[in-house]
Amino acid sequence: MGKICFMFGHSTAPGCILPEIENAVERMYTEHGVRSFVVGRYGNFDRLAGRAVKNKKKEHSDICLRLLLPYHPALRPYTPSEGFDGTIYPEGMETVPPRFAIVKANQIMIKNADAVICYVKHFGNTEKLLQMAISQKRKRGLVVYNVAEIV
């Protein structure tokens, strides 16, 4: 599978950031050797991130895009849309209460990813995830790219 980049951000992210997300995906691919990208499905950033990776897949056929499933697929089946190469349900999620599932799945991905692309502009759960990513950067060299710092 190679290096993994997890993508997260505010659900209210503006559509105008799509080119910057595409640039970030390209940088992860060329500069950091990332081939696998993981994105959720619960907000506008997730939709934009998925679109950006799908666009880059046209240039780089070895890119893999997977959808993060915070809920057990047997309990909440979900088929990803066209352009996705599959899903990922993080190990250890089976005992997480549903109301904490999204946050916990995101945390597990940050702990296991090689890189993150995010869009974080203000306080909230996404800001807490960014702080966790920055901590992982210090501990183990996680590559952190916040698109909000560019736009």
N, C-alpha and C. Protein backbone atom coordinates (compact mmCIF):
# COMPACT_ATOMS: atom_id res chain seq x y z
N MET A 1 0.83 -1.19 0.00
CA MET A 1 0.00 0.00 0.00
C MET A 1 0.87 1.25 0.00
N GLY A 2 2.03 1.25 0.59
CA GLY A 2 2.89 2.42 0.59
C GLY A 2 2.47 3.47 1.59
N LYS A 3 2.94 4.68 1.38
CA LYS A 3 2.65 5.78 2.30
C LYS A 3 1.21 6.24 2.17
N ILE A 4 0.63 6.60 3.34
CA ILE A 4 -0.78 6.99 3.41
C ILE A 4 -0.90 8.45 3.83
N CYS A 5 -1.79 9.17 3.15
CA CYS A 5 -2.13 10.54 3.52
C CYS A 5 -3.60 10.58 3.91
N PHE A 6 -3.85 11.03 5.13
CA PHE A 6 -5.22 11.20 5.61
C PHE A 6 -5.62 12.66 5.42
N MET A 7 -6.86 12.88 4.97
CA MET A 7 -7.33 14.22 4.65
C MET A 7 -8.56 14.54 5.51
N PHE A 8 -8.52 15.71 6.19
CA PHE A 8 -9.65 16.13 7.02
C PHE A 8 -9.74 17.64 7.03
N GLY A 9 -10.93 18.15 7.33
CA GLY A 9 -11.10 19.60 7.38
C GLY A 9 -12.52 19.99 7.74
N HIS A 10 -12.72 21.30 7.81
CA HIS A 10 -14.04 21.84 8.18
C HIS A 10 -15.10 21.43 7.16
N SER A 11 -16.26 21.07 7.67
CA SER A 11 -17.36 20.67 6.78
C SER A 11 -17.84 21.84 5.93
N THR A 12 -17.52 23.06 6.35
CA THR A 12 -17.97 24.26 5.63
C THR A 12 -16.89 24.82 4.71
N ALA A 13 -15.88 24.05 4.38
CA ALA A 13 -14.79 24.52 3.53
C ALA A 13 -15.34 25.06 2.21
N PRO A 14 -14.82 26.19 1.75
CA PRO A 14 -15.30 26.78 0.49
C PRO A 14 -14.76 26.05 -0.73
N GLY A 15 -15.55 25.99 -1.77
CA GLY A 15 -15.15 25.31 -3.00
C GLY A 15 -13.91 25.89 -3.66
N CYS A 16 -13.61 27.14 -3.38
CA CYS A 16 -12.46 27.80 -4.01
C CYS A 16 -11.12 27.20 -3.59
N ILE A 17 -11.10 26.35 -2.58
CA ILE A 17 -9.82 25.75 -2.14
C ILE A 17 -9.45 24.49 -2.92
N LEU A 18 -10.31 24.05 -3.83
CA LEU A 18 -10.03 22.83 -4.60
C LEU A 18 -8.65 22.86 -5.26
N PRO A 19 -8.25 23.95 -5.95
CA PRO A 19 -6.92 23.95 -6.56
C PRO A 19 -5.79 23.78 -5.54
N GLU A 20 -5.94 24.35 -4.36
CA GLU A 20 -4.90 24.19 -3.33
C GLU A 20 -4.85 22.76 -2.81
N ILE A 21 -6.00 22.12 -2.70
CA ILE A 21 -6.00 20.71 -2.28
C ILE A 21 -5.31 19.87 -3.35
N GLU A 22 -5.61 20.14 -4.62
CA GLU A 22 -4.95 19.41 -5.71
C GLU A 22 -3.44 19.62 -5.66
N ASN A 23 -3.00 20.86 -5.40
CA ASN A 23 -1.57 21.13 -5.27
C ASN A 23 -0.96 20.34 -4.11
N ALA A 24 -1.69 20.26 -3.00
CA ALA A 24 -1.20 19.51 -1.84
C ALA A 24 -1.09 18.02 -2.16
N VAL A 25 -2.07 17.49 -2.87
CA VAL A 25 -2.03 16.07 -3.27
C VAL A 25 -0.81 15.83 -4.17
N GLU A 26 -0.59 16.73 -5.11
CA GLU A 26 0.56 16.61 -6.01
C GLU A 26 1.87 16.64 -5.23
N ARG A 27 1.98 17.54 -4.26
CA ARG A 27 3.19 17.61 -3.44
C ARG A 27 3.40 16.32 -2.64
N MET A 28 2.32 15.80 -2.07
CA MET A 28 2.45 14.54 -1.31
C MET A 28 2.93 13.43 -2.21
N TYR A 29 2.42 13.41 -3.43
CA TYR A 29 2.79 12.38 -4.39
C TYR A 29 4.26 12.52 -4.82
N THR A 30 4.64 13.72 -5.24
CA THR A 30 5.98 13.90 -5.81
C THR A 30 7.07 14.05 -4.77
N GLU A 31 6.80 14.79 -3.68
CA GLU A 31 7.83 15.08 -2.70
C GLU A 31 7.93 14.07 -1.57
N HIS A 32 6.82 13.39 -1.27
CA HIS A 32 6.81 12.50 -0.10
C HIS A 32 6.49 11.04 -0.44
N GLY A 33 6.26 10.75 -1.70
CA GLY A 33 6.04 9.36 -2.10
C GLY A 33 4.72 8.77 -1.67
N VAL A 34 3.74 9.61 -1.38
CA VAL A 34 2.42 9.13 -0.97
C VAL A 34 1.68 8.59 -2.19
N ARG A 35 1.10 7.43 -2.05
CA ARG A 35 0.31 6.83 -3.13
C ARG A 35 -1.12 6.52 -2.70
N SER A 36 -1.37 6.49 -1.41
CA SER A 36 -2.68 6.14 -0.88
C SER A 36 -3.26 7.31 -0.10
N PHE A 37 -4.46 7.72 -0.46
CA PHE A 37 -5.14 8.84 0.19
C PHE A 37 -6.45 8.33 0.79
N VAL A 38 -6.74 8.80 2.01
CA VAL A 38 -7.94 8.38 2.73
C VAL A 38 -8.72 9.63 3.09
N VAL A 39 -10.02 9.61 2.81
CA VAL A 39 -10.88 10.76 3.08
C VAL A 39 -12.22 10.27 3.63
N GLY A 40 -12.87 11.12 4.43
CA GLY A 40 -14.19 10.80 4.96
C GLY A 40 -15.28 11.23 3.99
N ARG A 41 -16.51 11.33 4.52
CA ARG A 41 -17.63 11.69 3.65
C ARG A 41 -18.68 12.55 4.36
N TYR A 42 -18.23 13.40 5.28
CA TYR A 42 -19.21 14.10 6.10
C TYR A 42 -19.18 15.62 5.99
N GLY A 43 -18.67 16.17 4.94
CA GLY A 43 -18.68 17.61 4.81
C GLY A 43 -18.09 18.06 3.50
N ASN A 44 -18.09 19.36 3.29
CA ASN A 44 -17.61 19.88 2.01
C ASN A 44 -16.11 19.64 1.82
N PHE A 45 -15.31 19.75 2.88
CA PHE A 45 -13.88 19.46 2.69
C PHE A 45 -13.69 18.03 2.20
N ASP A 46 -14.40 17.09 2.78
CA ASP A 46 -14.27 15.70 2.37
C ASP A 46 -14.62 15.53 0.89
N ARG A 47 -15.70 16.19 0.44
CA ARG A 47 -16.08 16.11 -0.97
C ARG A 47 -14.99 16.71 -1.86
N LEU A 48 -14.49 17.87 -1.46
CA LEU A 48 -13.43 18.53 -2.24
C LEU A 48 -12.16 17.68 -2.28
N ALA A 49 -11.79 17.12 -1.14
CA ALA A 49 -10.58 16.29 -1.07
C ALA A 49 -10.72 15.06 -1.97
N GLY A 50 -11.88 14.42 -1.92
CA GLY A 50 -12.11 13.28 -2.79
C GLY A 50 -12.01 13.66 -4.26
N ARG A 51 -12.59 14.80 -4.62
CA ARG A 51 -12.53 15.27 -6.01
C ARG A 51 -11.09 15.57 -6.41
N ALA A 52 -10.34 16.21 -5.52
CA ALA A 52 -8.95 16.55 -5.82
C ALA A 52 -8.12 15.29 -6.11
N VAL A 53 -8.29 14.28 -5.28
CA VAL A 53 -7.53 13.03 -5.49
C VAL A 53 -7.98 12.35 -6.77
N LYS A 54 -9.28 12.33 -7.03
CA LYS A 54 -9.78 11.73 -8.28
C LYS A 54 -9.19 12.45 -9.49
N ASN A 55 -9.10 13.77 -9.42
CA ASN A 55 -8.50 14.54 -10.52
C ASN A 55 -7.03 14.16 -10.70
N LYS A 56 -6.30 13.99 -9.61
CA LYS A 56 -4.88 13.63 -9.69
C LYS A 56 -4.68 12.19 -10.15
N LYS A 57 -5.66 11.34 -9.91
CA LYS A 57 -5.57 9.95 -10.38
C LYS A 57 -5.52 9.90 -11.90
N LYS A 58 -6.04 10.92 -12.57
CA LYS A 58 -5.99 10.97 -14.03
C LYS A 58 -4.55 11.15 -14.51
N GLU A 59 -3.72 11.81 -13.70
CA GLU A 59 -2.31 12.03 -14.03
C GLU A 59 -1.40 10.93 -13.50
N HIS A 60 -1.78 10.36 -12.37
CA HIS A 60 -0.95 9.36 -11.70
C HIS A 60 -1.81 8.11 -11.43
N SER A 61 -1.70 7.14 -12.31
CA SER A 61 -2.57 5.96 -12.23
C SER A 61 -2.31 5.08 -11.01
N ASP A 62 -1.20 5.30 -10.31
CA ASP A 62 -0.89 4.46 -9.15
C ASP A 62 -1.44 5.04 -7.84
N ILE A 63 -2.18 6.14 -7.92
CA ILE A 63 -2.82 6.70 -6.73
C ILE A 63 -4.02 5.86 -6.35
N CYS A 64 -4.17 5.63 -5.05
CA CYS A 64 -5.30 4.88 -4.50
C CYS A 64 -6.10 5.81 -3.59
N LEU A 65 -7.40 5.84 -3.77
CA LEU A 65 -8.29 6.66 -2.94
C LEU A 65 -9.25 5.74 -2.20
N ARG A 66 -9.21 5.84 -0.87
CA ARG A 66 -10.12 5.01 -0.07
C ARG A 66 -10.97 5.89 0.83
N LEU A 67 -12.15 5.42 1.09
CA LEU A 67 -13.12 6.12 1.93
C LEU A 67 -13.04 5.59 3.36
N LEU A 68 -12.90 6.50 4.32
CA LEU A 68 -12.85 6.13 5.73
C LEU A 68 -14.26 5.85 6.22
N LEU A 69 -14.45 4.67 6.80
CA LEU A 69 -15.74 4.28 7.38
C LEU A 69 -15.62 4.31 8.91
N PRO A 70 -16.30 5.23 9.58
CA PRO A 70 -16.23 5.28 11.03
C PRO A 70 -17.16 4.27 11.72
N TYR A 71 -18.12 3.75 10.96
CA TYR A 71 -19.08 2.79 11.51
C TYR A 71 -18.85 1.44 10.86
N HIS A 72 -19.03 0.39 11.64
CA HIS A 72 -18.77 -0.96 11.14
C HIS A 72 -19.57 -1.20 9.85
N PRO A 73 -18.89 -1.66 8.81
CA PRO A 73 -19.57 -1.83 7.52
C PRO A 73 -20.70 -2.85 7.54
N ALA A 74 -20.67 -3.78 8.48
CA ALA A 74 -21.77 -4.75 8.57
C ALA A 74 -23.03 -4.10 9.16
N LEU A 75 -22.83 -3.09 10.01
CA LEU A 75 -23.96 -2.42 10.65
C LEU A 75 -24.49 -1.24 9.82
N ARG A 76 -23.59 -0.59 9.13
CA ARG A 76 -23.96 0.54 8.27
C ARG A 76 -23.25 0.39 6.92
N PRO A 77 -23.79 -0.47 6.07
CA PRO A 77 -23.14 -0.70 4.78
C PRO A 77 -23.11 0.59 3.95
N TYR A 78 -22.01 0.79 3.26
CA TYR A 78 -21.88 1.97 2.41
C TYR A 78 -20.98 1.63 1.24
N THR A 79 -21.45 1.97 0.06
CA THR A 79 -20.66 1.75 -1.15
C THR A 79 -20.13 3.09 -1.61
N PRO A 80 -18.82 3.24 -1.71
CA PRO A 80 -18.26 4.52 -2.15
C PRO A 80 -18.61 4.82 -3.60
N SER A 81 -18.60 6.09 -3.92
CA SER A 81 -18.93 6.52 -5.27
C SER A 81 -17.80 6.18 -6.24
N GLU A 82 -18.07 6.38 -7.50
CA GLU A 82 -17.09 6.10 -8.54
C GLU A 82 -15.80 6.90 -8.30
N GLY A 83 -14.69 6.27 -8.56
CA GLY A 83 -13.39 6.91 -8.37
C GLY A 83 -12.69 6.46 -7.10
N PHE A 84 -13.44 5.88 -6.17
CA PHE A 84 -12.82 5.34 -4.97
C PHE A 84 -12.35 3.92 -5.25
N ASP A 85 -11.25 3.54 -4.61
CA ASP A 85 -10.69 2.21 -4.80
C ASP A 85 -11.05 1.26 -3.67
N GLY A 86 -11.88 1.70 -2.75
CA GLY A 86 -12.29 0.86 -1.64
C GLY A 86 -12.53 1.68 -0.39
N THR A 87 -12.65 0.97 0.71
CA THR A 87 -12.93 1.61 2.00
C THR A 87 -11.89 1.15 3.02
N ILE A 88 -11.86 1.87 4.13
CA ILE A 88 -11.03 1.46 5.25
C ILE A 88 -11.83 1.65 6.53
N TYR A 89 -11.87 0.60 7.33
CA TYR A 89 -12.50 0.64 8.64
C TYR A 89 -11.37 0.38 9.65
N PRO A 90 -10.94 1.42 10.39
CA PRO A 90 -9.77 1.28 11.25
C PRO A 90 -9.90 0.20 12.31
N GLU A 91 -8.81 -0.50 12.52
CA GLU A 91 -8.76 -1.52 13.56
C GLU A 91 -8.99 -0.88 14.92
N GLY A 92 -9.77 -1.54 15.76
CA GLY A 92 -10.06 -1.05 17.10
C GLY A 92 -11.34 -0.26 17.22
N MET A 93 -12.05 -0.06 16.12
CA MET A 93 -13.28 0.75 16.13
C MET A 93 -14.51 -0.03 16.62
N GLU A 94 -14.38 -1.35 16.71
CA GLU A 94 -15.54 -2.19 17.03
C GLU A 94 -16.19 -1.85 18.37
N THR A 95 -15.41 -1.36 19.32
CA THR A 95 -15.94 -1.09 20.66
C THR A 95 -16.26 0.39 20.91
N VAL A 96 -16.07 1.23 19.90
CA VAL A 96 -16.30 2.67 20.05
C VAL A 96 -17.80 2.97 19.93
N PRO A 97 -18.38 3.68 20.90
CA PRO A 97 -19.80 4.06 20.79
C PRO A 97 -20.03 4.91 19.53
N PRO A 98 -21.15 4.72 18.85
CA PRO A 98 -21.42 5.43 17.59
C PRO A 98 -21.25 6.95 17.67
N ARG A 99 -21.61 7.56 18.78
CA ARG A 99 -21.53 9.02 18.84
C ARG A 99 -20.08 9.53 18.86
N PHE A 100 -19.12 8.65 19.14
CA PHE A 100 -17.70 9.03 19.13
C PHE A 100 -16.95 8.46 17.93
N ALA A 101 -17.67 7.74 17.07
CA ALA A 101 -17.02 6.97 16.00
C ALA A 101 -16.24 7.84 15.01
N ILE A 102 -16.78 8.95 14.58
CA ILE A 102 -16.10 9.77 13.58
C ILE A 102 -14.81 10.35 14.16
N VAL A 103 -14.90 10.91 15.36
CA VAL A 103 -13.72 11.49 16.00
C VAL A 103 -12.65 10.43 16.21
N LYS A 104 -13.04 9.27 16.71
CA LYS A 104 -12.07 8.20 16.99
C LYS A 104 -11.43 7.67 15.70
N ALA A 105 -12.23 7.50 14.65
CA ALA A 105 -11.69 7.03 13.37
C ALA A 105 -10.66 8.03 12.84
N ASN A 106 -10.96 9.32 12.96
CA ASN A 106 -10.02 10.36 12.52
C ASN A 106 -8.72 10.30 13.34
N GLN A 107 -8.85 10.12 14.64
CA GLN A 107 -7.66 10.04 15.50
C GLN A 107 -6.79 8.83 15.13
N ILE A 108 -7.43 7.71 14.90
CA ILE A 108 -6.68 6.50 14.52
C ILE A 108 -5.95 6.72 13.20
N MET A 109 -6.61 7.38 12.26
CA MET A 109 -5.96 7.64 10.97
C MET A 109 -4.75 8.55 11.14
N ILE A 110 -4.87 9.58 11.97
CA ILE A 110 -3.73 10.48 12.18
C ILE A 110 -2.57 9.72 12.79
N LYS A 111 -2.86 8.82 13.72
CA LYS A 111 -1.79 8.05 14.37
C LYS A 111 -1.11 7.08 13.42
N ASN A 112 -1.81 6.68 12.36
CA ASN A 112 -1.27 5.67 11.46
C ASN A 112 -0.86 6.20 10.09
N ALA A 113 -1.15 7.45 9.79
CA ALA A 113 -0.82 8.02 8.48
C ALA A 113 0.63 8.47 8.46
N ASP A 114 1.14 8.62 7.25
CA ASP A 114 2.46 9.18 7.03
C ASP A 114 2.39 10.68 6.79
N ALA A 115 1.20 11.15 6.40
CA ALA A 115 1.01 12.56 6.08
C ALA A 115 -0.47 12.92 6.25
N VAL A 116 -0.72 14.22 6.44
CA VAL A 116 -2.11 14.70 6.44
C VAL A 116 -2.19 15.97 5.60
N ILE A 117 -3.30 16.08 4.91
CA ILE A 117 -3.69 17.32 4.25
C ILE A 117 -4.97 17.73 4.94
N CYS A 118 -5.01 18.97 5.43
CA CYS A 118 -6.20 19.41 6.15
C CYS A 118 -6.57 20.84 5.78
N TYR A 119 -7.75 21.23 6.20
CA TYR A 119 -8.21 22.61 6.06
C TYR A 119 -8.77 23.00 7.42
N VAL A 120 -7.96 23.71 8.21
CA VAL A 120 -8.34 24.09 9.57
C VAL A 120 -8.11 25.58 9.73
N LYS A 121 -9.20 26.32 9.96
CA LYS A 121 -9.12 27.78 10.11
C LYS A 121 -9.54 28.26 11.50
N HIS A 122 -10.36 27.48 12.20
CA HIS A 122 -10.88 27.95 13.48
C HIS A 122 -11.03 26.80 14.46
N PHE A 123 -11.29 27.15 15.71
CA PHE A 123 -11.39 26.18 16.79
C PHE A 123 -12.55 25.22 16.57
N GLY A 124 -12.39 24.01 17.04
CA GLY A 124 -13.41 22.97 16.94
C GLY A 124 -12.72 21.62 16.88
N ASN A 125 -13.47 20.61 16.52
CA ASN A 125 -12.91 19.26 16.44
C ASN A 125 -11.78 19.16 15.42
N THR A 126 -11.91 19.87 14.29
CA THR A 126 -10.85 19.80 13.30
C THR A 126 -9.56 20.44 13.82
N GLU A 127 -9.70 21.49 14.62
CA GLU A 127 -8.51 22.13 15.20
C GLU A 127 -7.83 21.18 16.19
N LYS A 128 -8.63 20.44 16.94
CA LYS A 128 -8.06 19.45 17.86
C LYS A 128 -7.31 18.36 17.10
N LEU A 129 -7.87 17.96 15.95
CA LEU A 129 -7.19 16.97 15.11
C LEU A 129 -5.88 17.53 14.57
N LEU A 130 -5.89 18.80 14.17
CA LEU A 130 -4.66 19.43 13.69
C LEU A 130 -3.61 19.45 14.80
N GLN A 131 -4.00 19.76 16.02
CA GLN A 131 -3.04 19.77 17.13
C GLN A 131 -2.47 18.37 17.35
N MET A 132 -3.31 17.36 17.21
CA MET A 132 -2.84 15.98 17.34
C MET A 132 -1.84 15.67 16.21
N ALA A 133 -2.14 16.13 15.00
CA ALA A 133 -1.24 15.89 13.88
C ALA A 133 0.10 16.59 14.11
N ILE A 134 0.07 17.81 14.62
CA ILE A 134 1.31 18.54 14.90
C ILE A 134 2.13 17.80 15.96
N SER A 135 1.44 17.24 16.95
CA SER A 135 2.12 16.44 17.96
C SER A 135 2.79 15.21 17.32
N GLN A 136 2.08 14.57 16.40
CA GLN A 136 2.65 13.40 15.69
C GLN A 136 3.81 13.82 14.79
N LYS A 137 3.75 15.04 14.28
CA LYS A 137 4.86 15.57 13.47
C LYS A 137 6.12 15.64 14.31
N ARG A 138 5.97 16.14 15.54
CA ARG A 138 7.12 16.25 16.44
C ARG A 138 7.64 14.88 16.86
N LYS A 139 6.71 13.95 17.13
CA LYS A 139 7.09 12.63 17.63
C LYS A 139 7.71 11.73 16.57
N ARG A 140 7.11 11.74 15.38
CA ARG A 140 7.54 10.74 14.39
C ARG A 140 7.67 11.25 12.96
N GLY A 141 7.60 12.57 12.80
CA GLY A 141 7.84 13.14 11.48
C GLY A 141 6.66 13.14 10.53
N LEU A 142 5.45 13.05 11.06
CA LEU A 142 4.25 13.12 10.22
C LEU A 142 4.31 14.40 9.39
N VAL A 143 4.03 14.31 8.11
CA VAL A 143 3.99 15.48 7.23
C VAL A 143 2.61 16.11 7.38
N VAL A 144 2.58 17.40 7.72
CA VAL A 144 1.32 18.11 7.94
C VAL A 144 1.24 19.29 6.99
N TYR A 145 0.17 19.33 6.20
CA TYR A 145 -0.04 20.41 5.24
C TYR A 145 -1.45 20.96 5.44
N ASN A 146 -1.53 22.18 5.98
CA ASN A 146 -2.82 22.83 6.23
C ASN A 146 -3.10 23.79 5.07
N VAL A 147 -4.04 23.45 4.23
CA VAL A 147 -4.40 24.26 3.07
C VAL A 147 -4.88 25.65 3.51
N ALA A 148 -5.46 25.77 4.68
CA ALA A 148 -5.97 27.06 5.17
C ALA A 148 -4.86 28.08 5.35
N GLU A 149 -3.63 27.62 5.52
CA GLU A 149 -2.51 28.54 5.66
C GLU A 149 -2.08 29.13 4.33
N ILE A 150 -2.56 28.56 3.23
CA ILE A 150 -2.19 29.01 1.89
C ILE A 150 -3.24 29.96 1.32
N VAL A 151 -4.52 29.63 1.52
CA VAL A 151 -5.60 30.44 0.93
C VAL A 151 -6.03 31.58 1.83
